[in-house]
Amino acid sequence: MSDYFLVEDLVLSCVVKAEGDDKIHLYNLSRDSITLDPRFDLDFDRDIKTGPARPHGFAFLRGGP
């Protein structure tokens, strides 16, 4: 799960000034619950070699048979 926060403080209206945590979270889904997977820890401010970044796109691969 990811949420892309817009920072529009460069525009005169300054409508949105909300920073996200710049992480991608993985959740385990079952019929009865949704739980955060603590083994998955991807922080774009910490883990990207070129410096802080913001997640804003996904690619999905189908797993299993």
N, C-alpha and C. Protein backbone atom coordinates (compact mmCIF):
# COMPACT_ATOMS: atom_id res chain seq x y z
N MET A 1 0.85 -1.16 0.00
CA MET A 1 0.00 0.00 0.00
C MET A 1 0.90 1.22 0.00
N SER A 2 0.56 2.15 -0.79
CA SER A 2 1.33 3.39 -0.86
C SER A 2 0.36 4.55 -0.97
N ASP A 3 0.79 5.68 -0.48
CA ASP A 3 -0.02 6.88 -0.61
C ASP A 3 0.92 7.98 -1.09
N TYR A 4 0.55 8.65 -2.14
CA TYR A 4 1.39 9.68 -2.72
C TYR A 4 0.87 11.04 -2.28
N PHE A 5 1.65 11.72 -1.49
CA PHE A 5 1.25 13.04 -0.99
C PHE A 5 1.79 14.12 -1.92
N LEU A 6 0.95 15.08 -2.22
CA LEU A 6 1.34 16.21 -3.04
C LEU A 6 1.74 17.37 -2.14
N VAL A 7 2.81 18.01 -2.48
CA VAL A 7 3.20 19.22 -1.77
C VAL A 7 3.14 20.34 -2.79
N GLU A 8 2.14 21.16 -2.66
CA GLU A 8 1.93 22.23 -3.63
C GLU A 8 2.30 23.58 -3.03
N ASP A 9 3.35 23.63 -2.27
CA ASP A 9 3.74 24.90 -1.66
C ASP A 9 4.47 25.81 -2.65
N LEU A 10 4.66 25.33 -3.88
CA LEU A 10 5.28 26.18 -4.90
C LEU A 10 4.24 27.03 -5.63
N VAL A 11 2.98 26.74 -5.39
CA VAL A 11 1.90 27.49 -6.02
C VAL A 11 1.40 28.55 -5.05
N LEU A 12 0.93 29.63 -5.57
CA LEU A 12 0.48 30.73 -4.72
C LEU A 12 -0.66 30.35 -3.78
N SER A 13 -1.55 29.47 -4.22
CA SER A 13 -2.70 29.13 -3.39
C SER A 13 -2.33 28.31 -2.16
N CYS A 14 -1.22 27.57 -2.23
CA CYS A 14 -0.74 26.75 -1.11
C CYS A 14 -1.86 25.87 -0.56
N VAL A 15 -2.57 25.21 -1.43
CA VAL A 15 -3.73 24.43 -1.03
C VAL A 15 -3.33 23.20 -0.20
N VAL A 16 -2.35 22.46 -0.66
CA VAL A 16 -1.97 21.22 0.01
C VAL A 16 -0.56 21.35 0.56
N LYS A 17 -0.42 21.10 1.83
CA LYS A 17 0.91 21.07 2.46
C LYS A 17 0.95 19.87 3.39
N ALA A 18 0.84 18.68 2.84
CA ALA A 18 0.82 17.47 3.64
C ALA A 18 1.91 16.53 3.16
N GLU A 19 2.81 16.21 4.03
CA GLU A 19 3.90 15.29 3.70
C GLU A 19 3.52 13.88 4.14
N GLY A 20 3.82 12.89 3.32
CA GLY A 20 3.62 11.50 3.69
C GLY A 20 4.89 10.95 4.32
N ASP A 21 4.90 9.67 4.59
CA ASP A 21 6.09 9.08 5.19
C ASP A 21 7.03 8.48 4.16
N ASP A 22 6.69 8.53 2.88
CA ASP A 22 7.54 8.06 1.78
C ASP A 22 7.94 6.60 1.93
N LYS A 23 7.01 5.76 2.36
CA LYS A 23 7.24 4.33 2.50
C LYS A 23 6.21 3.57 1.68
N ILE A 24 6.55 2.33 1.38
CA ILE A 24 5.58 1.40 0.81
C ILE A 24 5.33 0.34 1.87
N HIS A 25 4.06 0.08 2.12
CA HIS A 25 3.67 -0.89 3.14
C HIS A 25 3.07 -2.11 2.46
N LEU A 26 3.34 -3.26 3.02
CA LEU A 26 2.79 -4.51 2.51
C LEU A 26 1.82 -5.05 3.54
N TYR A 27 0.65 -5.45 3.09
CA TYR A 27 -0.38 -5.98 3.98
C TYR A 27 -0.72 -7.40 3.59
N ASN A 28 -1.00 -8.21 4.59
CA ASN A 28 -1.48 -9.57 4.37
C ASN A 28 -3.00 -9.55 4.45
N LEU A 29 -3.64 -10.07 3.41
CA LEU A 29 -5.10 -10.06 3.35
C LEU A 29 -5.62 -11.47 3.55
N SER A 30 -6.65 -11.58 4.37
CA SER A 30 -7.36 -12.85 4.52
C SER A 30 -8.85 -12.55 4.46
N ARG A 31 -9.66 -13.55 4.60
CA ARG A 31 -11.11 -13.32 4.55
C ARG A 31 -11.58 -12.45 5.70
N ASP A 32 -10.89 -12.53 6.84
CA ASP A 32 -11.37 -11.86 8.06
C ASP A 32 -10.54 -10.67 8.52
N SER A 33 -9.37 -10.47 7.92
CA SER A 33 -8.51 -9.41 8.46
C SER A 33 -7.53 -8.87 7.43
N ILE A 34 -7.01 -7.72 7.76
CA ILE A 34 -5.91 -7.10 7.01
C ILE A 34 -4.86 -6.75 8.05
N THR A 35 -3.65 -7.30 7.87
CA THR A 35 -2.59 -7.04 8.84
C THR A 35 -1.33 -6.54 8.13
N LEU A 36 -0.65 -5.61 8.76
CA LEU A 36 0.61 -5.08 8.24
C LEU A 36 1.68 -6.16 8.32
N ASP A 37 2.44 -6.34 7.25
CA ASP A 37 3.53 -7.31 7.25
C ASP A 37 4.79 -6.62 7.76
N PRO A 38 5.23 -6.91 8.99
CA PRO A 38 6.38 -6.22 9.57
C PRO A 38 7.71 -6.60 8.92
N ARG A 39 7.74 -7.68 8.12
CA ARG A 39 8.99 -8.09 7.46
C ARG A 39 9.34 -7.20 6.28
N PHE A 40 8.36 -6.49 5.75
CA PHE A 40 8.58 -5.63 4.59
C PHE A 40 8.78 -4.21 5.07
N ASP A 41 9.96 -3.65 4.81
CA ASP A 41 10.29 -2.32 5.33
C ASP A 41 11.02 -1.53 4.25
N LEU A 42 10.28 -0.86 3.38
CA LEU A 42 10.89 -0.09 2.30
C LEU A 42 10.60 1.39 2.52
N ASP A 43 11.64 2.11 2.86
CA ASP A 43 11.54 3.54 3.14
C ASP A 43 12.30 4.29 2.05
N PHE A 44 11.61 5.04 1.23
CA PHE A 44 12.24 5.73 0.10
C PHE A 44 13.17 6.85 0.55
N ASP A 45 13.03 7.33 1.75
CA ASP A 45 13.98 8.33 2.25
C ASP A 45 15.28 7.69 2.72
N ARG A 46 15.23 6.44 3.09
CA ARG A 46 16.39 5.75 3.64
C ARG A 46 17.03 4.78 2.65
N ASP A 47 16.24 4.11 1.82
CA ASP A 47 16.73 2.97 1.05
C ASP A 47 17.08 3.26 -0.40
N ILE A 48 16.82 4.44 -0.90
CA ILE A 48 17.11 4.76 -2.29
C ILE A 48 18.49 5.43 -2.37
N LYS A 49 19.39 4.85 -3.16
CA LYS A 49 20.77 5.33 -3.22
C LYS A 49 20.90 6.78 -3.69
N THR A 50 19.99 7.23 -4.55
CA THR A 50 20.10 8.58 -5.09
C THR A 50 19.54 9.64 -4.16
N GLY A 51 19.05 9.22 -3.01
CA GLY A 51 18.54 10.18 -2.04
C GLY A 51 17.06 10.04 -1.82
N PRO A 52 16.49 10.89 -1.01
CA PRO A 52 15.06 10.79 -0.72
C PRO A 52 14.22 10.80 -1.99
N ALA A 53 13.19 9.98 -1.97
CA ALA A 53 12.30 9.86 -3.14
C ALA A 53 10.88 9.64 -2.64
N ARG A 54 9.92 9.74 -3.55
CA ARG A 54 8.52 9.50 -3.20
C ARG A 54 7.97 8.38 -4.07
N PRO A 55 7.41 7.35 -3.43
CA PRO A 55 6.80 6.29 -4.23
C PRO A 55 5.54 6.82 -4.90
N HIS A 56 5.37 6.50 -6.19
CA HIS A 56 4.17 6.98 -6.87
C HIS A 56 3.72 6.08 -8.01
N GLY A 57 4.21 4.87 -8.02
CA GLY A 57 3.77 3.94 -9.05
C GLY A 57 4.03 2.51 -8.62
N PHE A 58 3.32 1.57 -9.19
CA PHE A 58 3.48 0.18 -8.84
C PHE A 58 3.55 -0.69 -10.09
N ALA A 59 4.25 -1.79 -9.97
CA ALA A 59 4.23 -2.85 -10.97
C ALA A 59 3.90 -4.12 -10.22
N PHE A 60 2.94 -4.88 -10.71
CA PHE A 60 2.52 -6.11 -10.04
C PHE A 60 2.89 -7.31 -10.89
N LEU A 61 3.39 -8.33 -10.22
CA LEU A 61 3.69 -9.61 -10.88
C LEU A 61 2.80 -10.66 -10.27
N ARG A 62 2.21 -11.46 -11.10
CA ARG A 62 1.35 -12.52 -10.60
C ARG A 62 2.21 -13.66 -10.08
N GLY A 63 1.97 -14.09 -8.86
CA GLY A 63 2.73 -15.18 -8.28
C GLY A 63 1.93 -16.45 -8.27
N GLY A 64 2.60 -17.53 -8.04
CA GLY A 64 1.92 -18.81 -7.93
C GLY A 64 1.64 -19.43 -9.28
N PRO A 65 0.93 -20.55 -9.24
CA PRO A 65 0.63 -21.29 -10.50
C PRO A 65 -0.37 -20.57 -11.38
